[in-house]
């Protein structure tokens, strides 16, 4: 109380500042890791097929074919999770900002 602090005001602790800095750094790391997984998950492959059966009245489709590979999908999901953590952190920090007294 000798540092001209009122009863409601406490100096910020170093732990809170460290915790506030760790979350966005970890979230950025998750976003970068997701981007790397998505980039390395791309498999160069050529594919193509067609089927011609005019009299059988069957519908031919390529089941399980995706233009985005599973590795890319996983990487993008990881990156989106990191972006969601960053958005939550930014909203939390803006909501906790101390208000100025006039």
PDB file of N, CA and C in Angstrom:
ATOM      1  N   UNK A   1       0.803  -1.187   0.000  1.00  0.00           N
ATOM      2  CA  UNK A   1       0.000   0.000   0.000  1.00  0.00           C
ATOM      3  C   UNK A   1       0.852   1.259   0.000  1.00  0.00           C
ATOM      4  N   UNK A   2       2.139   1.148   0.155  1.00  0.00           N
ATOM      5  CA  UNK A   2       2.987   2.309   0.239  1.00  0.00           C
ATOM      6  C   UNK A   2       3.389   2.872  -1.107  1.00  0.00           C
ATOM      7  N   UNK A   3       2.946   2.285  -2.180  1.00  0.00           N
ATOM      8  CA  UNK A   3       3.339   2.749  -3.506  1.00  0.00           C
ATOM      9  C   UNK A   3       2.258   3.568  -4.172  1.00  0.00           C
ATOM     10  N   UNK A   4       1.466   4.291  -3.383  1.00  0.00           N
ATOM     11  CA  UNK A   4       0.376   5.136  -3.877  1.00  0.00           C
ATOM     12  C   UNK A   4      -0.673   4.348  -4.653  1.00  0.00           C
ATOM     13  N   UNK A   5      -0.874   3.115  -4.292  1.00  0.00           N
ATOM     14  CA  UNK A   5      -1.929   2.311  -4.901  1.00  0.00           C
ATOM     15  C   UNK A   5      -3.155   2.375  -4.003  1.00  0.00           C
ATOM     16  N   UNK A   6      -4.294   2.477  -4.632  1.00  0.00           N
ATOM     17  CA  UNK A   6      -5.512   2.395  -3.841  1.00  0.00           C
ATOM     18  C   UNK A   6      -5.793   0.933  -3.556  1.00  0.00           C
ATOM     19  N   UNK A   7      -6.830   0.685  -2.803  1.00  0.00           N
ATOM     20  CA  UNK A   7      -7.156  -0.687  -2.411  1.00  0.00           C
ATOM     21  C   UNK A   7      -7.507  -1.553  -3.623  1.00  0.00           C
ATOM     22  N   UNK A   8      -8.136  -0.962  -4.642  1.00  0.00           N
ATOM     23  CA  UNK A   8      -8.576  -1.736  -5.815  1.00  0.00           C
ATOM     24  C   UNK A   8      -7.474  -1.932  -6.846  1.00  0.00           C
ATOM     25  N   UNK A   9      -6.434  -1.163  -6.791  1.00  0.00           N
ATOM     26  CA  UNK A   9      -5.396  -1.230  -7.802  1.00  0.00           C
ATOM     27  C   UNK A   9      -4.220  -2.055  -7.293  1.00  0.00           C
ATOM     28  N   UNK A  10      -3.866  -3.056  -8.089  1.00  0.00           N
ATOM     29  CA  UNK A  10      -2.698  -3.877  -7.788  1.00  0.00           C
ATOM     30  C   UNK A  10      -1.777  -3.831  -8.998  1.00  0.00           C
ATOM     31  N   UNK A  11      -0.485  -3.799  -8.769  1.00  0.00           N
ATOM     32  CA  UNK A  11       0.421  -3.819  -9.925  1.00  0.00           C
ATOM     33  C   UNK A  11       0.287  -5.155 -10.657  1.00  0.00           C
ATOM     34  N   UNK A  12       0.357  -5.141 -11.989  1.00  0.00           N
ATOM     35  CA  UNK A  12       0.216  -6.387 -12.738  1.00  0.00           C
ATOM     36  C   UNK A  12       1.381  -7.330 -12.438  1.00  0.00           C
ATOM     37  N   UNK A  13       1.065  -8.591 -12.306  1.00  0.00           N
ATOM     38  CA  UNK A  13       2.116  -9.563 -12.005  1.00  0.00           C
ATOM     39  C   UNK A  13       2.810  -9.994 -13.292  1.00  0.00           C
ATOM     40  N   UNK A  14       4.028 -10.470 -13.146  1.00  0.00           N
ATOM     41  CA  UNK A  14       4.776 -10.939 -14.308  1.00  0.00           C
ATOM     42  C   UNK A  14       4.172 -12.218 -14.864  1.00  0.00           C
ATOM     43  N   UNK A  15       3.549 -13.003 -14.010  1.00  0.00           N
ATOM     44  CA  UNK A  15       2.930 -14.243 -14.466  1.00  0.00           C
ATOM     45  C   UNK A  15       1.783 -13.988 -15.426  1.00  0.00           C
ATOM     46  N   UNK A  16       0.976 -12.995 -15.133  1.00  0.00           N
ATOM     47  CA  UNK A  16      -0.151 -12.675 -16.007  1.00  0.00           C
ATOM     48  C   UNK A  16       0.343 -12.183 -17.362  1.00  0.00           C
ATOM     49  N   UNK A  17       1.390 -11.399 -17.363  1.00  0.00           N
ATOM     50  CA  UNK A  17       1.953 -10.917 -18.633  1.00  0.00           C
ATOM     51  C   UNK A  17       2.552 -12.044 -19.448  1.00  0.00           C
ATOM     52  N   UNK A  18       3.206 -12.980 -18.754  1.00  0.00           N
ATOM     53  CA  UNK A  18       3.784 -14.125 -19.454  1.00  0.00           C
ATOM     54  C   UNK A  18       2.690 -15.012 -20.039  1.00  0.00           C
ATOM     55  N   UNK A  19       1.641 -15.243 -19.258  1.00  0.00           N
ATOM     56  CA  UNK A  19       0.530 -16.062 -19.725  1.00  0.00           C
ATOM     57  C   UNK A  19      -0.175 -15.398 -20.910  1.00  0.00           C
ATOM     58  N   UNK A  20      -0.293 -14.078 -20.865  1.00  0.00           N
ATOM     59  CA  UNK A  20      -0.942 -13.354 -21.945  1.00  0.00           C
ATOM     60  C   UNK A  20      -0.114 -13.398 -23.227  1.00  0.00           C
ATOM     61  N   UNK A  21       1.188 -13.571 -23.118  1.00  0.00           N
ATOM     62  CA  UNK A  21       2.039 -13.633 -24.299  1.00  0.00           C
ATOM     63  C   UNK A  21       2.184 -15.051 -24.839  1.00  0.00           C
ATOM     64  N   UNK A  22       2.033 -16.050 -23.985  1.00  0.00           N
ATOM     65  CA  UNK A  22       2.229 -17.435 -24.408  1.00  0.00           C
ATOM     66  C   UNK A  22       1.089 -17.921 -25.307  1.00  0.00           C
ATOM     67  N   UNK A  23      -0.138 -17.549 -24.990  1.00  0.00           N
ATOM     68  CA  UNK A  23      -1.294 -18.046 -25.748  1.00  0.00           C
ATOM     69  C   UNK A  23      -1.229 -17.643 -27.219  1.00  0.00           C
ATOM     70  N   UNK A  24      -1.003 -16.375 -27.563  1.00  0.00           N
ATOM     71  CA  UNK A  24      -0.956 -16.059 -28.990  1.00  0.00           C
ATOM     72  C   UNK A  24       0.256 -16.661 -29.701  1.00  0.00           C
ATOM     73  N   UNK A  25       1.359 -16.790 -28.995  1.00  0.00           N
ATOM     74  CA  UNK A  25       2.538 -17.397 -29.627  1.00  0.00           C
ATOM     75  C   UNK A  25       2.279 -18.867 -29.937  1.00  0.00           C
ATOM     76  N   UNK A  26       1.664 -19.585 -28.989  1.00  0.00           N
ATOM     77  CA  UNK A  26       1.324 -20.983 -29.241  1.00  0.00           C
ATOM     78  C   UNK A  26       0.279 -21.113 -30.347  1.00  0.00           C
ATOM     79  N   UNK A  27      -0.698 -20.219 -30.368  1.00  0.00           N
ATOM     80  CA  UNK A  27      -1.722 -20.269 -31.410  1.00  0.00           C
ATOM     81  C   UNK A  27      -1.116 -19.996 -32.782  1.00  0.00           C
ATOM     82  N   UNK A  28      -0.193 -19.059 -32.856  1.00  0.00           N
ATOM     83  CA  UNK A  28       0.493 -18.814 -34.135  1.00  0.00           C
ATOM     84  C   UNK A  28       1.312 -20.021 -34.560  1.00  0.00           C
ATOM     85  N   UNK A  29       1.926 -20.696 -33.594  1.00  0.00           N
ATOM     86  CA  UNK A  29       2.660 -21.920 -33.907  1.00  0.00           C
ATOM     87  C   UNK A  29       1.744 -22.997 -34.452  1.00  0.00           C
ATOM     88  N   UNK A  30       0.534 -23.103 -33.884  1.00  0.00           N
ATOM     89  CA  UNK A  30      -0.429 -24.090 -34.376  1.00  0.00           C
ATOM     90  C   UNK A  30      -0.874 -23.737 -35.794  1.00  0.00           C
ATOM     91  N   UNK A  31      -1.090 -22.456 -36.056  1.00  0.00           N
ATOM     92  CA  UNK A  31      -1.484 -22.031 -37.411  1.00  0.00           C
ATOM     93  C   UNK A  31      -0.378 -22.360 -38.411  1.00  0.00           C
ATOM     94  N   UNK A  32       0.867 -22.059 -38.053  1.00  0.00           N
ATOM     95  CA  UNK A  32       1.981 -22.355 -38.952  1.00  0.00           C
ATOM     96  C   UNK A  32       2.152 -23.861 -39.157  1.00  0.00           C
ATOM     97  N   UNK A  33       1.993 -24.636 -38.090  1.00  0.00           N
ATOM     98  CA  UNK A  33       2.096 -26.087 -38.224  1.00  0.00           C
ATOM     99  C   UNK A  33       0.994 -26.620 -39.127  1.00  0.00           C
ATOM    100  N   UNK A  34      -0.215 -26.096 -38.983  1.00  0.00           N
ATOM    101  CA  UNK A  34      -1.309 -26.510 -39.856  1.00  0.00           C
ATOM    102  C   UNK A  34      -1.047 -26.168 -41.306  1.00  0.00           C
ATOM    103  N   UNK A  35      -0.477 -24.991 -41.543  1.00  0.00           N
ATOM    104  CA  UNK A  35      -0.147 -24.604 -42.925  1.00  0.00           C
ATOM    105  C   UNK A  35       0.932 -25.514 -43.498  1.00  0.00           C
ATOM    106  N   UNK A  36       1.920 -25.876 -42.684  1.00  0.00           N
ATOM    107  CA  UNK A  36       2.967 -26.785 -43.161  1.00  0.00           C
ATOM    108  C   UNK A  36       2.411 -28.172 -43.461  1.00  0.00           C
ATOM    109  N   UNK A  37       1.517 -28.663 -42.605  1.00  0.00           N
ATOM    110  CA  UNK A  37       0.904 -29.964 -42.853  1.00  0.00           C
ATOM    111  C   UNK A  37       0.066 -29.909 -44.125  1.00  0.00           C
ATOM    112  N   UNK A  38      -0.676 -28.824 -44.311  1.00  0.00           N
ATOM    113  CA  UNK A  38      -1.494 -28.686 -45.518  1.00  0.00           C
ATOM    114  C   UNK A  38      -0.615 -28.600 -46.758  1.00  0.00           C
ATOM    115  N   UNK A  39       0.495 -27.888 -46.656  1.00  0.00           N
ATOM    116  CA  UNK A  39       1.377 -27.736 -47.817  1.00  0.00           C
ATOM    117  C   UNK A  39       2.042 -29.066 -48.168  1.00  0.00           C
ATOM    118  N   UNK A  40       2.486 -29.806 -47.148  1.00  0.00           N
ATOM    119  CA  UNK A  40       3.140 -31.087 -47.399  1.00  0.00           C
ATOM    120  C   UNK A  40       2.150 -32.198 -47.677  1.00  0.00           C
ATOM    121  N   UNK A  41       0.886 -31.986 -47.374  1.00  0.00           N
ATOM    122  CA  UNK A  41      -0.133 -33.000 -47.611  1.00  0.00           C
ATOM    123  C   UNK A  41      -0.594 -33.068 -49.050  1.00  0.00           C
ATOM    124  N   UNK A  42      -0.134 -32.147 -49.860  1.00  0.00           N
ATOM    125  CA  UNK A  42      -0.526 -32.158 -51.265  1.00  0.00           C
ATOM    126  C   UNK A  42       0.258 -33.240 -51.993  1.00  0.00           C
ATOM    127  N   UNK A  43      -0.464 -34.119 -52.611  1.00  0.00           N
ATOM    128  CA  UNK A  43       0.165 -35.194 -53.359  1.00  0.00           C
ATOM    129  C   UNK A  43      -0.037 -34.906 -54.840  1.00  0.00           C
ATOM    130  N   UNK A  44       1.051 -34.895 -55.556  1.00  0.00           N
ATOM    131  CA  UNK A  44       0.962 -34.671 -56.993  1.00  0.00           C
ATOM    132  C   UNK A  44       0.535 -35.974 -57.653  1.00  0.00           C
ATOM    133  N   UNK A  45      -0.639 -35.981 -58.149  1.00  0.00           N
ATOM    134  CA  UNK A  45      -1.112 -37.180 -58.822  1.00  0.00           C
ATOM    135  C   UNK A  45      -2.004 -36.767 -59.979  1.00  0.00           C
ATOM    136  N   UNK A  46      -1.947 -37.539 -60.996  1.00  0.00           N
ATOM    137  CA  UNK A  46      -2.847 -37.301 -62.115  1.00  0.00           C
ATOM    138  C   UNK A  46      -3.891 -38.401 -62.092  1.00  0.00           C
ATOM    139  N   UNK A  47      -5.094 -38.012 -62.216  1.00  0.00           N
ATOM    140  CA  UNK A  47      -6.166 -38.986 -62.214  1.00  0.00           C
ATOM    141  C   UNK A  47      -7.195 -38.564 -63.245  1.00  0.00           C
ATOM    142  N   UNK A  48      -7.911 -39.482 -63.659  1.00  0.00           N
ATOM    143  CA  UNK A  48      -8.981 -39.208 -64.598  1.00  0.00           C
ATOM    144  C   UNK A  48      -9.521 -40.514 -65.135  1.00  0.00           C
ATOM    145  N   UNK A  49     -10.754 -40.526 -65.369  1.00  0.00           N
ATOM    146  CA  UNK A  49     -11.379 -41.708 -65.902  1.00  0.00           C
ATOM    147  C   UNK A  49     -12.706 -41.305 -66.509  1.00  0.00           C
ATOM    148  N   UNK A  50     -13.185 -42.130 -67.352  1.00  0.00           N
ATOM    149  CA  UNK A  50     -14.538 -41.960 -67.827  1.00  0.00           C
ATOM    150  C   UNK A  50     -15.093 -43.346 -68.139  1.00  0.00           C
ATOM    151  N   UNK A  51     -16.358 -43.418 -68.091  1.00  0.00           N
ATOM    152  CA  UNK A  51     -17.017 -44.688 -68.384  1.00  0.00           C
ATOM    153  C   UNK A  51     -18.125 -44.417 -69.390  1.00  0.00           C
ATOM    154  N   UNK A  52     -18.216 -45.301 -70.347  1.00  0.00           N
ATOM    155  CA  UNK A  52     -19.243 -45.147 -71.360  1.00  0.00           C
ATOM    156  C   UNK A  52     -20.056 -46.432 -71.397  1.00  0.00           C
ATOM    157  N   UNK A  53     -21.261 -46.324 -70.961  1.00  0.00           N
ATOM    158  CA  UNK A  53     -22.165 -47.470 -70.991  1.00  0.00           C
ATOM    159  C   UNK A  53     -23.563 -46.951 -71.305  1.00  0.00           C
ATOM    160  N   UNK A  54     -23.851 -46.676 -72.572  1.00  0.00           N
ATOM    161  CA  UNK A  54     -25.123 -46.041 -72.912  1.00  0.00           C
ATOM    162  C   UNK A  54     -26.343 -46.950 -72.707  1.00  0.00           C
ATOM    163  N   UNK A  55     -26.189 -48.251 -72.769  1.00  0.00           N
ATOM    164  CA  UNK A  55     -27.346 -49.126 -72.703  1.00  0.00           C
ATOM    165  C   UNK A  55     -27.601 -49.705 -71.309  1.00  0.00           C
ATOM    166  N   UNK A  56     -26.695 -49.508 -70.384  1.00  0.00           N
ATOM    167  CA  UNK A  56     -26.869 -50.143 -69.079  1.00  0.00           C
ATOM    168  C   UNK A  56     -27.672 -49.299 -68.099  1.00  0.00           C
ATOM    169  N   UNK A  57     -27.878 -48.013 -68.393  1.00  0.00           N
ATOM    170  CA  UNK A  57     -28.591 -47.091 -67.521  1.00  0.00           C
ATOM    171  C   UNK A  57     -27.997 -47.045 -66.114  1.00  0.00           C
ATOM    172  N   UNK A  58     -26.715 -47.215 -66.007  1.00  0.00           N
ATOM    173  CA  UNK A  58     -26.019 -47.116 -64.726  1.00  0.00           C
ATOM    174  C   UNK A  58     -25.344 -45.758 -64.614  1.00  0.00           C
ATOM    175  N   UNK A  59     -25.274 -45.299 -63.404  1.00  0.00           N
ATOM    176  CA  UNK A  59     -24.599 -44.036 -63.130  1.00  0.00           C
ATOM    177  C   UNK A  59     -23.226 -44.349 -62.564  1.00  0.00           C
ATOM    178  N   UNK A  60     -22.196 -43.841 -63.189  1.00  0.00           N
ATOM    179  CA  UNK A  60     -20.827 -44.074 -62.746  1.00  0.00           C
ATOM    180  C   UNK A  60     -20.298 -42.803 -62.087  1.00  0.00           C
ATOM    181  N   UNK A  61     -19.801 -42.978 -60.894  1.00  0.00           N
ATOM    182  CA  UNK A  61     -19.202 -41.827 -60.208  1.00  0.00           C
ATOM    183  C   UNK A  61     -17.936 -42.294 -59.502  1.00  0.00           C
ATOM    184  N   UNK A  62     -17.047 -41.384 -59.334  1.00  0.00           N
ATOM    185  CA  UNK A  62     -15.802 -41.681 -58.623  1.00  0.00           C
ATOM    186  C   UNK A  62     -16.011 -41.512 -57.134  1.00  0.00           C
ATOM    187  N   UNK A  63     -16.269 -42.578 -56.433  1.00  0.00           N
ATOM    188  CA  UNK A  63     -16.493 -42.469 -55.002  1.00  0.00           C
ATOM    189  C   UNK A  63     -15.165 -42.294 -54.278  1.00  0.00           C
ATOM    190  N   UNK A  64     -15.175 -41.444 -53.297  1.00  0.00           N
ATOM    191  CA  UNK A  64     -13.975 -41.207 -52.511  1.00  0.00           C
ATOM    192  C   UNK A  64     -12.980 -40.280 -53.171  1.00  0.00           C
ATOM    193  N   UNK A  65     -13.339 -39.687 -54.266  1.00  0.00           N
ATOM    194  CA  UNK A  65     -12.415 -38.781 -54.938  1.00  0.00           C
ATOM    195  C   UNK A  65     -12.605 -37.379 -54.381  1.00  0.00           C
ATOM    196  N   UNK A  66     -11.527 -36.751 -54.065  1.00  0.00           N
ATOM    197  CA  UNK A  66     -11.563 -35.380 -53.574  1.00  0.00           C
ATOM    198  C   UNK A  66     -10.435 -34.606 -54.238  1.00  0.00           C
ATOM    199  N   UNK A  67     -10.701 -33.374 -54.523  1.00  0.00           N
ATOM    200  CA  UNK A  67      -9.660 -32.544 -55.120  1.00  0.00           C
ATOM    201  C   UNK A  67      -8.698 -32.022 -54.058  1.00  0.00           C
ATOM    202  N   UNK A  68      -9.113 -32.094 -52.812  1.00  0.00           N
ATOM    203  CA  UNK A  68      -8.247 -31.730 -51.698  1.00  0.00           C
ATOM    204  C   UNK A  68      -7.937 -33.020 -50.945  1.00  0.00           C
ATOM    205  N   UNK A  69      -6.670 -33.328 -50.811  1.00  0.00           N
ATOM    206  CA  UNK A  69      -6.288 -34.589 -50.180  1.00  0.00           C
ATOM    207  C   UNK A  69      -6.576 -34.560 -48.684  1.00  0.00           C
ATOM    208  N   UNK A  70      -6.549 -35.726 -48.074  1.00  0.00           N
ATOM    209  CA  UNK A  70      -6.846 -35.822 -46.654  1.00  0.00           C
ATOM    210  C   UNK A  70      -5.787 -35.101 -45.820  1.00  0.00           C
ATOM    211  N   UNK A  71      -4.533 -35.163 -46.215  1.00  0.00           N
ATOM    212  CA  UNK A  71      -3.479 -34.440 -45.499  1.00  0.00           C
ATOM    213  C   UNK A  71      -3.692 -32.940 -45.544  1.00  0.00           C
ATOM    214  N   UNK A  72      -4.135 -32.442 -46.677  1.00  0.00           N
ATOM    215  CA  UNK A  72      -4.419 -31.014 -46.797  1.00  0.00           C
ATOM    216  C   UNK A  72      -5.611 -30.635 -45.931  1.00  0.00           C
ATOM    217  N   UNK A  73      -6.636 -31.478 -45.908  1.00  0.00           N
ATOM    218  CA  UNK A  73      -7.804 -31.203 -45.081  1.00  0.00           C
ATOM    219  C   UNK A  73      -7.431 -31.165 -43.599  1.00  0.00           C
ATOM    220  N   UNK A  74      -6.599 -32.084 -43.159  1.00  0.00           N
ATOM    221  CA  UNK A  74      -6.173 -32.111 -41.756  1.00  0.00           C
ATOM    222  C   UNK A  74      -5.353 -30.864 -41.429  1.00  0.00           C
ATOM    223  N   UNK A  75      -4.451 -30.496 -42.308  1.00  0.00           N
ATOM    224  CA  UNK A  75      -3.643 -29.299 -42.088  1.00  0.00           C
ATOM    225  C   UNK A  75      -4.485 -28.040 -42.011  1.00  0.00           C
ATOM    226  N   UNK A  76      -5.475 -27.935 -42.881  1.00  0.00           N
ATOM    227  CA  UNK A  76      -6.349 -26.768 -42.849  1.00  0.00           C
ATOM    228  C   UNK A  76      -7.202 -26.748 -41.580  1.00  0.00           C
ATOM    229  N   UNK A  77      -7.628 -27.919 -41.114  1.00  0.00           N
ATOM    230  CA  UNK A  77      -8.393 -27.980 -39.863  1.00  0.00           C
ATOM    231  C   UNK A  77      -7.532 -27.530 -38.677  1.00  0.00           C
ATOM    232  N   UNK A  78      -6.271 -27.924 -38.664  1.00  0.00           N
ATOM    233  CA  UNK A  78      -5.364 -27.498 -37.594  1.00  0.00           C
ATOM    234  C   UNK A  78      -5.161 -25.985 -37.648  1.00  0.00           C
ATOM    235  N   UNK A  79      -4.971 -25.444 -38.855  1.00  0.00           N
ATOM    236  CA  UNK A  79      -4.781 -24.002 -39.001  1.00  0.00           C
ATOM    237  C   UNK A  79      -6.026 -23.235 -38.551  1.00  0.00           C
ATOM    238  N   UNK A  80      -7.193 -23.742 -38.885  1.00  0.00           N
ATOM    239  CA  UNK A  80      -8.440 -23.078 -38.472  1.00  0.00           C
ATOM    240  C   UNK A  80      -8.582 -23.120 -36.952  1.00  0.00           C
ATOM    241  N   UNK A  81      -8.198 -24.224 -36.332  1.00  0.00           N
ATOM    242  CA  UNK A  81      -8.259 -24.310 -34.865  1.00  0.00           C
ATOM    243  C   UNK A  81      -7.337 -23.261 -34.241  1.00  0.00           C
ATOM    244  N   UNK A  82      -6.154 -23.082 -34.787  1.00  0.00           N
ATOM    245  CA  UNK A  82      -5.245 -22.051 -34.288  1.00  0.00           C
ATOM    246  C   UNK A  82      -5.804 -20.653 -34.477  1.00  0.00           C
ATOM    247  N   UNK A  83      -6.460 -20.412 -35.608  1.00  0.00           N
ATOM    248  CA  UNK A  83      -7.069 -19.107 -35.841  1.00  0.00           C
ATOM    249  C   UNK A  83      -8.229 -18.854 -34.878  1.00  0.00           C
ATOM    250  N   UNK A  84      -8.980 -19.902 -34.555  1.00  0.00           N
ATOM    251  CA  UNK A  84     -10.061 -19.750 -33.579  1.00  0.00           C
ATOM    252  C   UNK A  84      -9.519 -19.397 -32.196  1.00  0.00           C
ATOM    253  N   UNK A  85      -8.411 -20.006 -31.819  1.00  0.00           N
ATOM    254  CA  UNK A  85      -7.793 -19.670 -30.530  1.00  0.00           C
ATOM    255  C   UNK A  85      -7.306 -18.226 -30.538  1.00  0.00           C
ATOM    256  N   UNK A  86      -6.712 -17.788 -31.644  1.00  0.00           N
ATOM    257  CA  UNK A  86      -6.269 -16.397 -31.743  1.00  0.00           C
ATOM    258  C   UNK A  86      -7.445 -15.432 -31.659  1.00  0.00           C
ATOM    259  N   UNK A  87      -8.542 -15.751 -32.315  1.00  0.00           N
ATOM    260  CA  UNK A  87      -9.715 -14.878 -32.275  1.00  0.00           C
ATOM    261  C   UNK A  87     -10.295 -14.816 -30.866  1.00  0.00           C
ATOM    262  N   UNK A  88     -10.360 -15.961 -30.191  1.00  0.00           N
ATOM    263  CA  UNK A  88     -10.854 -15.971 -28.816  1.00  0.00           C
ATOM    264  C   UNK A  88      -9.948 -15.145 -27.912  1.00  0.00           C
ATOM    265  N   UNK A  89      -8.646 -15.310 -28.080  1.00  0.00           N
ATOM    266  CA  UNK A  89      -7.693 -14.572 -27.252  1.00  0.00           C
ATOM    267  C   UNK A  89      -7.832 -13.069 -27.478  1.00  0.00           C
ATOM    268  N   UNK A  90      -7.952 -12.652 -28.743  1.00  0.00           N
ATOM    269  CA  UNK A  90      -8.075 -11.226 -29.045  1.00  0.00           C
ATOM    270  C   UNK A  90      -9.357 -10.654 -28.456  1.00  0.00           C
ATOM    271  N   UNK A  91     -10.459 -11.371 -28.568  1.00  0.00           N
ATOM    272  CA  UNK A  91     -11.704 -10.903 -27.978  1.00  0.00           C
ATOM    273  C   UNK A  91     -11.640 -10.839 -26.471  1.00  0.00           C
ATOM    274  N   UNK A  92     -10.998 -11.819 -25.862  1.00  0.00           N
ATOM    275  CA  UNK A  92     -10.857 -11.832 -24.408  1.00  0.00           C
ATOM    276  C   UNK A  92     -10.011 -10.661 -23.937  1.00  0.00           C
ATOM    277  N   UNK A  93      -8.907 -10.410 -24.632  1.00  0.00           N
ATOM    278  CA  UNK A  93      -8.026  -9.308 -24.235  1.00  0.00           C
ATOM    279  C   UNK A  93      -8.700  -7.957 -24.433  1.00  0.00           C
ATOM    280  N   UNK A  94      -9.452  -7.802 -25.516  1.00  0.00           N
ATOM    281  CA  UNK A  94     -10.142  -6.533 -25.730  1.00  0.00           C
ATOM    282  C   UNK A  94     -11.262  -6.335 -24.714  1.00  0.00           C
ATOM    283  N   UNK A  95     -11.907  -7.405 -24.315  1.00  0.00           N
ATOM    284  CA  UNK A  95     -12.967  -7.305 -23.333  1.00  0.00           C
ATOM    285  C   UNK A  95     -12.459  -6.996 -21.940  1.00  0.00           C
ATOM    286  N   UNK A  96     -11.234  -7.364 -21.634  1.00  0.00           N
ATOM    287  CA  UNK A  96     -10.667  -7.132 -20.311  1.00  0.00           C
ATOM    288  C   UNK A  96      -9.867  -5.848 -20.225  1.00  0.00           C
ATOM    289  N   UNK A  97      -9.843  -5.068 -21.283  1.00  0.00           N
ATOM    290  CA  UNK A  97      -9.064  -3.841 -21.280  1.00  0.00           C
ATOM    291  C   UNK A  97      -9.617  -2.898 -20.211  1.00  0.00           C
ATOM    292  N   UNK A  98      -8.742  -2.323 -19.391  1.00  0.00           N
ATOM    293  CA  UNK A  98      -9.240  -1.403 -18.348  1.00  0.00           C
ATOM    294  C   UNK A  98      -9.820  -0.139 -18.972  1.00  0.00           C
ATOM    295  N   UNK A  99     -10.871   0.333 -18.395  1.00  0.00           N
ATOM    296  CA  UNK A  99     -11.541   1.539 -18.894  1.00  0.00           C
ATOM    297  C   UNK A  99     -10.894   2.783 -18.284  1.00  0.00           C
ATOM    298  N   UNK A 100     -10.837   3.823 -19.062  1.00  0.00           N
ATOM    299  CA  UNK A 100     -10.298   5.081 -18.565  1.00  0.00           C
ATOM    300  C   UNK A 100     -11.352   5.798 -17.745  1.00  0.00           C
ATOM    301  N   UNK A 101     -10.901   6.368 -16.681  1.00  0.00           N
ATOM    302  CA  UNK A 101     -11.802   7.185 -15.860  1.00  0.00           C
ATOM    303  C   UNK A 101     -11.590   8.640 -16.204  1.00  0.00           C
ATOM    304  N   UNK A 102     -12.664   9.336 -16.383  1.00  0.00           N
ATOM    305  CA  UNK A 102     -12.562  10.766 -16.728  1.00  0.00           C
ATOM    306  C   UNK A 102     -12.764  11.636 -15.528  1.00  0.00           C
TER     307      UNK A 102
END
